Structures are given as structure tokens and as C-alpha cells.
């Protein structure tokens, strides 16, 4: 498994000089280090996780957002048991997002399993941008905290979200 810190550091729990310098300079955070340690422990027991590339971990209002390469997120989406193991190991709600995704794909990944119907970008005065996300109305049955999603999008990608629900029915 690839992580922001050395594999040896993640297994031993002690950072080498190089990783310590990264932490002090701000190129990695304590959240990255903590998540990497836990993921390496899981990777030793699970070959699927061992193939992942973990990029970054960020705590946002009590939840943990883990950023992986796109194919790794796809594996986690298709394997609920694996995602559940990671969440259990982290000891909190975990959101899995693609690190190299476009803004639209990031938003769709963040809103998973809700169906995103459209994503529109609005440029406001003073160079601010607002992103309007329209989600299928039938998604209201899925327990997702929209306010939390808005906070995560702001913290991870600095995206201001406006979320609306709309019927997915086509009119004839």
C-alpha cells in the first residue's frame, strides 16, 4: 500500500526524519499520518487494501474523508464489506473520494449513493463560485446529512454547494 508516509513508519508508529520534516512543513498532516497507520494495519490482513494508493486524510466535523486514486474508490464502492472494515478501523464515519477527480466527479463521489442529476457552476461577484447540485428526489429516502456534505466539499476542495432535490420523472 502506498501512503503519504513510509511503510516502515506506518507500521512502527514512529516517523523517520524525512516524514517528520514533511509533517512539520505542512506537506502532510497528522490526519494523514493517523489514517496511514491504521490503513497499513488493515493492508497487512487484506490484499485488496494492500493494492490501494492512499493520498490524504482529513477530519471534517467529526467525520474522516479519505482520498484515494479513482480505481481504489471504485473497489470500495463495489465492496461494502471492505469499506465497512475501514470505517470500523478508523472508529468514525468515513467518506471515500477520488483525489484526481474533476469537481463534478468529486461531487458525485461525495454524494454516493445519491443520484446526482446535474452540477452547475455559477460565478458570483468578487470571484466567488457557487456550485448548484441537483439530486434525484427519490434520494430523500437515503439518510445523508446534506449540511455535512456541504462542509466536506468546502473543506476538501473549497467548493460552495447549493443542494436541491428534483423529481427524476420525465414528462410526456
Protein backbone atom coordinates (compact mmCIF):
# COMPACT_ATOMS: atom_id res chain seq x y z
CA UNK A 1 0.00 0.00 0.00
CA UNK A 2 1.21 3.48 -0.82
CA UNK A 3 0.69 6.19 1.76
CA UNK A 4 1.94 9.76 2.39
CA UNK A 5 4.42 8.34 4.91
CA UNK A 6 6.94 5.49 4.65
CA UNK A 7 5.52 2.00 5.10
CA UNK A 8 8.02 1.34 7.87
CA UNK A 9 6.88 4.48 9.71
CA UNK A 10 3.23 3.49 9.36
CA UNK A 11 3.94 0.01 10.74
CA UNK A 12 6.23 1.13 13.55
CA UNK A 13 4.25 4.19 14.56
CA UNK A 14 7.39 6.34 14.67
CA UNK A 15 8.17 8.84 11.92
CA UNK A 16 11.58 8.91 10.26
CA UNK A 17 13.38 12.22 9.78
CA UNK A 18 12.04 12.60 6.22
CA UNK A 19 8.40 12.04 7.21
CA UNK A 20 8.79 14.18 10.33
CA UNK A 21 10.04 17.02 8.09
CA UNK A 22 7.01 16.58 5.80
CA UNK A 23 4.73 16.81 8.83
CA UNK A 24 6.43 19.92 10.24
CA UNK A 25 6.46 21.66 6.83
CA UNK A 26 2.75 21.03 6.36
CA UNK A 27 3.01 18.88 3.23
CA UNK A 28 1.27 16.15 5.25
CA UNK A 29 -0.97 16.45 8.30
CA UNK A 30 -1.43 14.48 11.48
CA UNK A 31 -4.70 13.18 9.98
CA UNK A 32 -2.66 11.74 7.06
CA UNK A 33 -0.29 10.04 9.48
CA UNK A 34 -3.02 8.61 11.72
CA UNK A 35 -5.05 7.27 8.78
CA UNK A 36 -1.94 5.79 7.11
CA UNK A 37 -1.03 3.88 10.28
CA UNK A 38 -4.50 2.35 10.53
CA UNK A 39 -4.72 1.56 6.81
CA UNK A 40 -1.31 -0.16 6.80
CA UNK A 41 -2.50 -2.35 9.67
CA UNK A 42 -5.56 -3.34 7.63
CA UNK A 43 -3.47 -3.82 4.47
CA UNK A 44 -1.38 -6.47 6.23
CA UNK A 45 -4.56 -8.52 6.69
CA UNK A 46 -6.29 -7.68 3.39
CA UNK A 47 -4.79 -7.94 -0.11
CA UNK A 48 -7.37 -5.59 -1.67
CA UNK A 49 -6.41 -2.75 0.67
CA UNK A 50 -2.74 -3.57 0.15
CA UNK A 51 -3.11 -2.56 -3.55
CA UNK A 52 -4.54 0.91 -2.73
CA UNK A 53 -2.84 4.27 -3.00
CA UNK A 54 -3.89 6.46 -0.08
CA UNK A 55 -3.30 10.15 -0.79
CA UNK A 56 -4.71 12.17 2.11
CA UNK A 57 -6.94 12.01 5.17
CA UNK A 58 -8.87 14.98 6.53
CA UNK A 59 -11.12 15.25 9.56
CA UNK A 60 -14.19 17.37 8.88
CA UNK A 61 -16.70 17.99 11.67
CA UNK A 62 -16.22 14.59 13.33
CA UNK A 63 -16.02 12.56 10.11
CA UNK A 64 -12.95 11.41 8.19
CA UNK A 65 -12.52 11.97 4.46
CA UNK A 66 -10.06 9.56 2.85
CA UNK A 67 -8.73 10.42 -0.60
CA UNK A 68 -7.62 7.55 -2.83
CA UNK A 69 -6.90 7.04 -6.52
CA UNK A 70 -10.05 6.60 -8.64
CA UNK A 71 -9.80 2.81 -9.14
CA UNK A 72 -9.42 2.33 -5.38
CA UNK A 73 -12.62 4.28 -4.69
CA UNK A 74 -14.42 2.13 -7.26
CA UNK A 75 -13.31 -1.01 -5.42
CA UNK A 76 -14.57 0.43 -2.13
CA UNK A 77 -17.92 1.38 -3.69
CA UNK A 78 -18.41 -2.15 -5.02
CA UNK A 79 -17.22 -3.89 -1.85
CA UNK A 80 -19.35 -2.63 1.07
CA UNK A 81 -17.72 -5.12 3.45
CA UNK A 82 -14.26 -3.71 2.74
CA UNK A 83 -15.48 -0.12 3.17
CA UNK A 84 -17.13 -1.14 6.43
CA UNK A 85 -13.85 -2.67 7.71
CA UNK A 86 -12.02 0.58 7.03
CA UNK A 87 -14.72 2.62 8.74
CA UNK A 88 -14.64 0.31 11.76
CA UNK A 89 -10.83 0.56 11.96
CA UNK A 90 -10.97 4.37 11.79
CA UNK A 91 -13.62 4.47 14.53
CA UNK A 92 -15.74 7.13 12.83
CA UNK A 93 -17.81 7.83 9.73
CA UNK A 94 -15.56 7.67 6.65
CA UNK A 95 -16.12 9.28 3.26
CA UNK A 96 -14.17 7.91 0.27
CA UNK A 97 -13.35 10.32 -2.54
CA UNK A 98 -11.14 10.33 -5.63
CA UNK A 99 -8.21 12.66 -5.31
CA UNK A 100 -7.61 13.29 -9.03
CA UNK A 101 -11.30 13.64 -9.96
CA UNK A 102 -12.81 16.69 -11.63
CA UNK A 103 -15.09 18.84 -9.48
CA UNK A 104 -18.15 17.10 -10.93
CA UNK A 105 -16.78 13.61 -10.26
CA UNK A 106 -15.67 14.68 -6.78
CA UNK A 107 -19.22 15.84 -6.04
CA UNK A 108 -20.77 12.65 -7.45
CA UNK A 109 -18.33 10.61 -5.38
CA UNK A 110 -19.13 12.61 -2.27
CA UNK A 111 -22.90 12.26 -2.75
CA UNK A 112 -22.70 8.48 -3.38
CA UNK A 113 -25.14 6.59 -3.22
CA UNK A 114 -27.41 9.54 -4.08
CA UNK A 115 -28.07 10.10 -7.78
CA UNK A 116 -26.74 13.48 -8.91
CA UNK A 117 -28.86 14.76 -11.81
CA UNK A 118 -26.83 17.87 -12.60
CA UNK A 119 -24.00 20.06 -11.40
CA UNK A 120 -23.99 23.73 -12.40
CA UNK A 121 -21.35 26.34 -11.64
CA UNK A 122 -22.27 29.98 -11.03
CA UNK A 123 -19.70 32.75 -10.89
CA UNK A 124 -20.63 35.38 -8.34
CA UNK A 125 -19.21 38.87 -7.82
CA UNK A 126 -15.83 39.10 -6.09
CA UNK A 127 -14.60 35.97 -7.93
CA UNK A 128 -16.68 33.62 -5.78
CA UNK A 129 -18.11 30.46 -7.31
CA UNK A 130 -21.25 28.62 -6.23
CA UNK A 131 -21.89 25.03 -7.28
CA UNK A 132 -25.53 24.01 -7.56
CA UNK A 133 -26.12 20.27 -7.24
CA UNK A 134 -29.47 18.80 -8.17
CA UNK A 135 -30.12 15.40 -6.61
CA UNK A 136 -32.89 12.96 -7.51
CA UNK A 137 -35.96 13.43 -5.31
CA UNK A 138 -36.14 9.70 -4.59
CA UNK A 139 -32.81 10.13 -2.79
CA UNK A 140 -34.64 11.69 0.17
CA UNK A 141 -35.13 8.15 1.48
CA UNK A 142 -31.35 7.72 1.80
CA UNK A 143 -30.12 9.03 5.18
CA UNK A 144 -27.47 11.61 4.19
CA UNK A 145 -26.66 14.82 6.03
CA UNK A 146 -26.61 17.48 3.28
CA UNK A 147 -25.12 20.06 5.65
CA UNK A 148 -22.22 17.69 6.35
CA UNK A 149 -21.68 17.17 2.59
CA UNK A 150 -21.54 20.94 2.12
CA UNK A 151 -18.92 21.25 4.88
CA UNK A 152 -16.81 18.43 3.44
CA UNK A 153 -16.88 19.93 -0.08
CA UNK A 154 -15.79 23.28 1.36
CA UNK A 155 -13.00 21.77 3.49
CA UNK A 156 -11.58 19.39 0.86
CA UNK A 157 -11.95 21.33 -2.40
CA UNK A 158 -13.15 24.80 -1.32
CA UNK A 159 -16.45 24.24 -3.15
CA UNK A 160 -19.51 26.19 -2.00
CA UNK A 161 -22.53 23.92 -2.54
CA UNK A 162 -26.20 24.67 -3.01
CA UNK A 163 -28.18 21.42 -2.98
CA UNK A 164 -31.67 20.94 -4.44
CA UNK A 165 -33.86 17.88 -4.79
CA UNK A 166 -35.77 17.34 -8.03
CA UNK A 167 -38.07 14.69 -9.40
CA UNK A 168 -36.35 12.37 -11.86
CA UNK A 169 -39.62 11.72 -13.74
CA UNK A 170 -39.73 12.66 -17.44
CA UNK A 171 -42.90 14.42 -18.50
CA UNK A 172 -44.62 13.41 -21.72
